[in-house]
């Protein structure tokens, strides 16, 4: 979520946070669970949506198709990714199986976005295709949450706190495994990594942090208490990236932000062909990602041990996707919005 201090400094707005129950955030103000099962919060949320003049959202929310905002309301889409490997929105291959009514609903949701925030020109092009937005809908202020990676004091403070929680970080390098979410993964008993092999080959130099999607319920019967740590419940992925020496991912958007730290990545694409057919990629996968691509745990371990990475490729990737994200994106976003809109109650949909 964008930095609230810039918003507080810009105007005397009342800030309301609407979130799902699984969303964890630290905010000293009004936070409501925007789900029907929390009836009182649900009713209050609807009221605030109807009476706010500025609304920030960070995902696709179907309720927008049924909302009719007042003429002066500004709805800003922050999205939840600084870049995109897989296709989404109107370009998602699965949309061909949708009914005309469903597609019309998607378009109605996207038409509610007065502005979408981008970190680079490549993402602006993707939003035009995915959301059908026009040039006047695009704000090139950079992605607010990337400001964290330019704040050396915040990075050091975060790293110190995590080292206190996990003292072993001070002794060994950190591998973070952060894959994208796949459908039908609500209950899984294993991960595609061969943890036993990783343990035998890497335990003397590394620890392994597992950051799985909140919808994934993985029962880790931890036979490797000094090697594997499940950090899926940790509230802020950016904080984990601050102590990560090597990121292992696949089709997730996390590498776009991690690249700002100019640290190495390995891409574990064990189901590349199947995933590509079902979701689609914006560019040929092997050409897009800034690190070695491996397809099994054996090659993954060898890539870690080889420890050879193209840092120029990582820097190029970071610059392409984060050209507008330079450390002051939160401030520039708030200034841009409030130069277009009078001060009023503001909602952030978390």
Protein backbone atom coordinates (compact mmCIF):
# COMPACT_ATOMS: atom_id res chain seq x y z
CA UNK A 1 0.00 0.00 0.00
CA UNK A 2 1.18 3.53 -0.69
CA UNK A 3 2.79 5.54 2.07
CA UNK A 4 0.10 7.23 4.12
CA UNK A 5 2.31 9.96 5.58
CA UNK A 6 2.38 11.80 2.25
CA UNK A 7 -1.40 11.66 2.08
CA UNK A 8 -1.71 12.96 5.62
CA UNK A 9 0.68 15.77 4.86
CA UNK A 10 -1.16 16.83 1.72
CA UNK A 11 -4.63 17.42 3.16
CA UNK A 12 -6.75 17.11 6.28
CA UNK A 13 -8.60 14.15 4.86
CA UNK A 14 -10.24 11.41 6.83
CA UNK A 15 -8.56 8.18 5.72
CA UNK A 16 -10.57 4.95 5.76
CA UNK A 17 -9.06 1.55 5.01
CA UNK A 18 -11.31 -1.17 3.56
CA UNK A 19 -9.73 -4.61 3.54
CA UNK A 20 -10.35 -8.32 3.52
CA UNK A 21 -9.95 -10.30 6.73
CA UNK A 22 -6.72 -11.91 5.48
CA UNK A 23 -5.08 -8.54 4.88
CA UNK A 24 -2.61 -7.53 7.61
CA UNK A 25 -1.62 -3.93 8.03
CA UNK A 26 -0.53 -1.55 10.73
CA UNK A 27 -2.62 1.62 10.56
CA UNK A 28 -3.62 3.90 13.42
CA UNK A 29 -7.03 4.83 12.11
CA UNK A 30 -10.31 3.43 10.82
CA UNK A 31 -9.93 -0.06 9.30
CA UNK A 32 -13.01 -1.98 8.14
CA UNK A 33 -13.42 -5.57 6.97
CA UNK A 34 -15.13 -5.16 3.62
CA UNK A 35 -16.85 -8.54 3.50
CA UNK A 36 -20.56 -9.38 3.90
CA UNK A 37 -19.87 -11.73 6.83
CA UNK A 38 -18.75 -8.68 8.81
CA UNK A 39 -22.12 -7.05 8.39
CA UNK A 40 -21.57 -3.86 10.40
CA UNK A 41 -18.24 -3.18 8.70
CA UNK A 42 -19.78 -4.04 5.34
CA UNK A 43 -22.55 -1.46 5.73
CA UNK A 44 -20.08 1.20 6.93
CA UNK A 45 -17.80 0.37 4.00
CA UNK A 46 -20.61 0.91 1.51
CA UNK A 47 -21.37 4.24 3.15
CA UNK A 48 -17.76 5.40 2.87
CA UNK A 49 -17.55 4.31 -0.77
CA UNK A 50 -20.65 6.39 -1.47
CA UNK A 51 -19.37 9.49 0.30
CA UNK A 52 -15.63 9.54 -0.54
CA UNK A 53 -14.10 11.70 -3.23
CA UNK A 54 -10.81 9.84 -3.66
CA UNK A 55 -10.59 6.04 -3.74
CA UNK A 56 -7.38 4.03 -4.07
CA UNK A 57 -7.64 0.34 -4.96
CA UNK A 58 -4.96 -2.28 -5.59
CA UNK A 59 -6.64 -5.17 -7.41
CA UNK A 60 -9.68 -6.24 -9.43
CA UNK A 61 -12.87 -5.72 -7.43
CA UNK A 62 -16.11 -6.88 -9.02
CA UNK A 63 -18.22 -4.57 -6.86
CA UNK A 64 -17.03 -1.65 -9.01
CA UNK A 65 -19.25 -2.88 -11.82
CA UNK A 66 -22.31 -2.05 -9.70
CA UNK A 67 -21.06 1.23 -8.27
CA UNK A 68 -22.09 4.60 -9.62
CA UNK A 69 -19.71 7.18 -8.20
CA UNK A 70 -20.50 10.85 -7.92
CA UNK A 71 -19.11 12.96 -10.81
CA UNK A 72 -16.29 14.40 -8.70
CA UNK A 73 -14.98 11.03 -7.43
CA UNK A 74 -11.50 9.94 -8.49
CA UNK A 75 -10.75 6.19 -8.50
CA UNK A 76 -7.05 5.34 -8.68
CA UNK A 77 -5.84 1.82 -9.49
CA UNK A 78 -2.50 1.11 -7.79
CA UNK A 79 -2.56 -2.58 -8.79
CA UNK A 80 -0.55 -5.15 -6.85
CA UNK A 81 2.35 -5.62 -9.26
CA UNK A 82 5.11 -3.32 -10.47
CA UNK A 83 5.45 -5.35 -13.66
CA UNK A 84 3.85 -8.28 -15.44
CA UNK A 85 5.10 -11.62 -16.71
CA UNK A 86 1.72 -13.31 -17.17
CA UNK A 87 -1.23 -11.80 -18.99
CA UNK A 88 -4.29 -10.53 -17.14
CA UNK A 89 -7.45 -8.49 -17.56
CA UNK A 90 -8.80 -8.36 -21.11
CA UNK A 91 -5.68 -10.19 -22.35
CA UNK A 92 -6.02 -13.19 -20.02
CA UNK A 93 -6.38 -16.25 -22.30
CA UNK A 94 -9.14 -17.62 -20.04
CA UNK A 95 -11.38 -14.71 -21.02
CA UNK A 96 -12.26 -16.54 -24.24
CA UNK A 97 -14.23 -19.02 -22.14
CA UNK A 98 -16.19 -16.27 -20.41
CA UNK A 99 -19.71 -15.25 -21.33
CA UNK A 100 -20.33 -11.91 -23.10
CA UNK A 101 -22.04 -10.76 -19.89
CA UNK A 102 -18.94 -11.52 -17.82
CA UNK A 103 -16.67 -9.73 -20.28
CA UNK A 104 -18.95 -6.71 -20.18
CA UNK A 105 -18.72 -6.75 -16.38
CA UNK A 106 -14.91 -6.75 -16.57
CA UNK A 107 -14.97 -3.78 -18.92
CA UNK A 108 -17.36 -1.93 -16.62
CA UNK A 109 -14.98 -2.43 -13.68
CA UNK A 110 -12.01 -1.20 -15.71
CA UNK A 111 -13.95 1.83 -16.91
CA UNK A 112 -14.19 3.01 -13.28
CA UNK A 113 -10.44 3.68 -13.16
CA UNK A 114 -9.83 7.39 -13.56
CA UNK A 115 -6.11 6.76 -13.21
CA UNK A 116 -3.75 3.80 -13.17
CA UNK A 117 -0.29 4.23 -11.66
CA UNK A 118 2.74 2.89 -13.52
CA UNK A 119 6.41 2.48 -12.72
CA UNK A 120 7.53 2.28 -16.33
CA UNK A 121 6.43 2.74 -19.91
CA UNK A 122 6.30 -1.03 -20.44
CA UNK A 123 3.58 -1.32 -17.81
CA UNK A 124 1.69 1.60 -19.35
CA UNK A 125 1.50 -0.36 -22.61
CA UNK A 126 0.27 -3.44 -20.74
CA UNK A 127 -2.47 -1.49 -18.95
CA UNK A 128 -3.74 -0.11 -22.24
CA UNK A 129 -4.28 -3.66 -23.46
CA UNK A 130 -5.34 -5.25 -20.16
CA UNK A 131 -7.72 -2.56 -18.91
CA UNK A 132 -8.52 -0.68 -22.08
CA UNK A 133 -7.38 2.59 -20.50
CA UNK A 134 -6.42 5.64 -22.51
CA UNK A 135 -3.34 7.82 -22.29
CA UNK A 136 -5.10 10.35 -20.06
CA UNK A 137 -5.77 7.60 -17.50
CA UNK A 138 -2.08 6.83 -16.92
CA UNK A 139 -0.09 8.40 -14.07
CA UNK A 140 3.67 8.07 -14.48
CA UNK A 141 4.51 8.79 -10.83
CA UNK A 142 6.17 5.45 -10.11
CA UNK A 143 4.93 2.71 -7.78
CA UNK A 144 4.54 4.03 -4.21
CA UNK A 145 5.56 0.87 -2.39
CA UNK A 146 8.92 0.85 -4.18
CA UNK A 147 9.94 3.92 -2.15
CA UNK A 148 10.96 1.47 0.56
CA UNK A 149 13.84 0.17 -1.55
CA UNK A 150 15.34 3.65 -1.81
CA UNK A 151 15.18 4.32 1.94
CA UNK A 152 18.45 3.02 3.34
CA UNK A 153 17.44 3.72 6.93
CA UNK A 154 14.18 1.78 6.53
CA UNK A 155 16.02 -1.12 4.89
CA UNK A 156 18.54 -1.31 7.72
CA UNK A 157 15.86 -1.06 10.41
CA UNK A 158 13.81 -3.80 8.75
CA UNK A 159 16.82 -6.08 8.34
CA UNK A 160 17.77 -5.59 11.99
CA UNK A 161 14.26 -6.53 13.15
CA UNK A 162 14.20 -9.68 11.03
CA UNK A 163 17.65 -10.71 12.22
CA UNK A 164 16.36 -10.41 15.75
CA UNK A 165 13.41 -12.66 14.91
CA UNK A 166 15.54 -15.08 12.91
CA UNK A 167 19.08 -14.84 14.37
CA UNK A 168 20.38 -17.43 11.91
CA UNK A 169 20.14 -14.77 9.19
CA UNK A 170 23.27 -13.24 10.70
CA UNK A 171 25.17 -16.49 10.11
CA UNK A 172 23.99 -17.66 6.69
CA UNK A 173 22.79 -16.32 3.37
CA UNK A 174 19.04 -16.17 2.75
CA UNK A 175 17.23 -17.86 -0.12
CA UNK A 176 13.60 -16.76 -0.46
CA UNK A 177 11.26 -19.00 -2.45
CA UNK A 178 8.26 -16.91 -3.52
CA UNK A 179 6.23 -18.54 -6.31
CA UNK A 180 3.10 -17.22 -7.94
CA UNK A 181 -0.30 -18.58 -6.95
CA UNK A 182 -1.69 -21.41 -9.03
CA UNK A 183 -5.35 -22.40 -9.08
CA UNK A 184 -6.40 -25.44 -7.04
CA UNK A 185 -3.62 -24.90 -4.50
CA UNK A 186 -5.81 -24.34 -1.46
CA UNK A 187 -4.50 -27.43 0.28
CA UNK A 188 -1.12 -28.81 -0.70
CA UNK A 189 1.08 -31.18 1.24
CA UNK A 190 4.31 -30.41 -0.58
CA UNK A 191 6.09 -27.82 -2.66
CA UNK A 192 7.77 -28.51 -6.03
CA UNK A 193 11.18 -27.89 -4.50
CA UNK A 194 13.21 -30.93 -3.46
CA UNK A 195 13.84 -29.58 0.03
CA UNK A 196 15.77 -32.65 1.07
CA UNK A 197 18.26 -32.15 -1.77
CA UNK A 198 18.51 -28.42 -1.05
CA UNK A 199 19.14 -29.18 2.60
CA UNK A 200 21.89 -31.69 1.89
CA UNK A 201 23.65 -29.47 -0.64
CA UNK A 202 23.09 -25.95 0.70
CA UNK A 203 22.57 -26.12 4.49
CA UNK A 204 26.11 -25.04 5.39
CA UNK A 205 25.84 -21.72 3.56
CA UNK A 206 22.13 -20.90 3.20
CA UNK A 207 18.74 -20.94 4.89
CA UNK A 208 15.50 -21.26 2.93
CA UNK A 209 12.47 -19.04 3.53
CA UNK A 210 9.16 -20.19 2.03
CA UNK A 211 6.76 -17.41 1.07
CA UNK A 212 3.63 -19.06 -0.34
CA UNK A 213 0.38 -17.41 -1.41
CA UNK A 214 -2.08 -16.71 1.47
CA UNK A 215 -4.60 -19.02 -0.20
CA UNK A 216 -2.15 -21.92 -0.07
CA UNK A 217 -2.30 -24.02 3.08
CA UNK A 218 0.95 -25.96 3.15
CA UNK A 219 1.57 -28.23 6.10
CA UNK A 220 5.31 -28.01 6.70
CA UNK A 221 6.36 -30.93 8.83
CA UNK A 222 9.71 -29.33 9.38
CA UNK A 223 12.48 -31.90 9.41
CA UNK A 224 14.98 -29.11 8.83
CA UNK A 225 14.38 -26.57 11.64
CA UNK A 226 17.71 -24.81 11.06
CA UNK A 227 17.25 -24.61 7.30
CA UNK A 228 13.59 -24.14 6.28
CA UNK A 229 11.33 -21.40 7.65
CA UNK A 230 7.74 -20.81 6.55
CA UNK A 231 7.28 -17.04 6.39
CA UNK A 232 4.02 -17.13 4.40
CA UNK A 233 2.24 -15.33 7.24
CA UNK A 234 4.73 -12.49 7.41
CA UNK A 235 2.73 -9.35 6.61
CA UNK A 236 5.10 -7.47 4.26
CA UNK A 237 6.94 -9.21 1.43
CA UNK A 238 9.12 -6.13 0.89
CA UNK A 239 10.55 -6.56 4.38
CA UNK A 240 11.54 -10.13 3.56
CA UNK A 241 13.21 -8.94 0.37
CA UNK A 242 15.39 -6.62 2.47
CA UNK A 243 17.23 -9.64 3.93
CA UNK A 244 17.07 -11.87 0.86
CA UNK A 245 20.39 -12.69 -0.81
CA UNK A 246 18.90 -14.88 -3.54
CA UNK A 247 15.30 -14.91 -4.79
CA UNK A 248 13.76 -18.01 -6.34
CA UNK A 249 10.50 -17.27 -8.13
CA UNK A 250 8.65 -18.18 -11.32
CA UNK A 251 5.86 -16.05 -12.82
CA UNK A 252 5.33 -13.77 -9.82
CA UNK A 253 5.64 -9.98 -9.96
CA UNK A 254 8.01 -9.95 -6.97
CA UNK A 255 11.18 -9.87 -9.15
CA UNK A 256 10.20 -6.46 -10.55
CA UNK A 257 10.59 -4.88 -7.12
CA UNK A 258 13.43 -7.11 -5.93
CA UNK A 259 15.48 -6.05 -8.95
CA UNK A 260 15.78 -2.58 -7.39
CA UNK A 261 18.13 -4.15 -4.82
CA UNK A 262 20.29 -5.50 -7.69
CA UNK A 263 20.53 -8.94 -6.13
CA UNK A 264 20.44 -12.28 -7.99
CA UNK A 265 17.39 -14.31 -8.95
CA UNK A 266 16.77 -17.83 -10.24
CA UNK A 267 13.53 -18.70 -12.03
CA UNK A 268 12.16 -22.14 -11.17
CA UNK A 269 9.75 -22.71 -14.08
CA UNK A 270 9.03 -26.42 -13.62
CA UNK A 271 5.63 -26.10 -15.37
CA UNK A 272 6.55 -23.48 -17.98
CA UNK A 273 4.79 -25.00 -20.98
CA UNK A 274 1.57 -25.79 -19.12
CA UNK A 275 1.45 -22.44 -17.35
CA UNK A 276 2.21 -20.51 -20.53
CA UNK A 277 -0.70 -22.16 -22.34
CA UNK A 278 -3.18 -21.45 -19.55
CA UNK A 279 -2.10 -17.90 -18.59
CA UNK A 280 -0.02 -16.51 -21.44
CA UNK A 281 3.12 -14.36 -21.23
CA UNK A 282 3.70 -10.80 -22.40
CA UNK A 283 7.09 -11.73 -23.80
CA UNK A 284 8.97 -15.01 -24.33
CA UNK A 285 9.63 -16.09 -20.75
CA UNK A 286 13.32 -16.94 -21.05
CA UNK A 287 14.02 -13.56 -22.68
CA UNK A 288 12.07 -11.55 -20.12
CA UNK A 289 13.36 -12.78 -16.77
CA UNK A 290 16.70 -11.44 -15.44
CA UNK A 291 18.29 -14.67 -14.29
CA UNK A 292 18.85 -18.33 -15.09
CA UNK A 293 15.76 -20.43 -15.79
CA UNK A 294 15.71 -23.97 -14.37
CA UNK A 295 13.09 -26.70 -14.61
CA UNK A 296 13.92 -29.10 -11.78
CA UNK A 297 15.44 -29.08 -8.31
CA UNK A 298 18.71 -30.66 -9.46
CA UNK A 299 19.40 -27.80 -11.86
CA UNK A 300 18.19 -25.33 -9.28
CA UNK A 301 20.73 -26.49 -6.70
CA UNK A 302 23.48 -26.43 -9.33
CA UNK A 303 22.56 -22.85 -10.28
CA UNK A 304 22.79 -21.79 -6.63
CA UNK A 305 26.16 -23.49 -6.21
CA UNK A 306 27.53 -22.08 -9.48
CA UNK A 307 26.69 -18.59 -8.22
CA UNK A 308 27.07 -16.91 -11.61
CA UNK A 309 24.63 -14.15 -12.42
CA UNK A 310 24.42 -11.40 -15.01
CA UNK A 311 24.12 -8.28 -12.86
CA UNK A 312 24.00 -6.02 -15.91
CA UNK A 313 20.87 -7.91 -16.96
CA UNK A 314 19.32 -7.34 -13.52
CA UNK A 315 20.06 -3.60 -13.65
CA UNK A 316 18.62 -3.33 -17.16
CA UNK A 317 15.48 -5.17 -16.04
CA UNK A 318 15.11 -2.86 -13.01
CA UNK A 319 15.53 0.27 -15.12
CA UNK A 320 13.05 -0.85 -17.78
CA UNK A 321 10.24 -1.67 -15.38
CA UNK A 322 10.93 0.95 -12.69
CA UNK A 323 11.98 3.98 -14.72
CA UNK A 324 9.52 6.25 -12.88
CA UNK A 325 10.03 4.61 -9.46
CA UNK A 326 12.93 6.58 -8.03
CA UNK A 327 12.17 6.86 -4.32
CA UNK A 328 9.56 9.63 -4.23
CA UNK A 329 6.63 7.90 -5.92
CA UNK A 330 4.24 8.24 -2.95
CA UNK A 331 4.73 11.99 -2.77
CA UNK A 332 4.44 12.48 -6.53
CA UNK A 333 1.27 10.39 -6.68
CA UNK A 334 -0.48 12.30 -3.91
CA UNK A 335 0.57 15.64 -5.38
CA UNK A 336 -0.72 14.58 -8.80
CA UNK A 337 -4.09 13.45 -7.43
CA UNK A 338 -4.64 16.49 -5.25
CA UNK A 339 -3.73 18.86 -8.01
CA UNK A 340 -6.68 17.31 -9.86
CA UNK A 341 -9.04 16.94 -6.93
CA UNK A 342 -10.15 19.04 -3.99
CA UNK A 343 -9.46 17.76 -0.49
CA UNK A 344 -12.03 15.20 0.59
CA UNK A 345 -12.49 11.97 2.45
CA UNK A 346 -10.19 9.31 1.03
CA UNK A 347 -10.54 5.55 0.91
CA UNK A 348 -7.81 3.02 0.40
CA UNK A 349 -9.03 -0.44 -0.57
CA UNK A 350 -6.40 -2.80 0.87
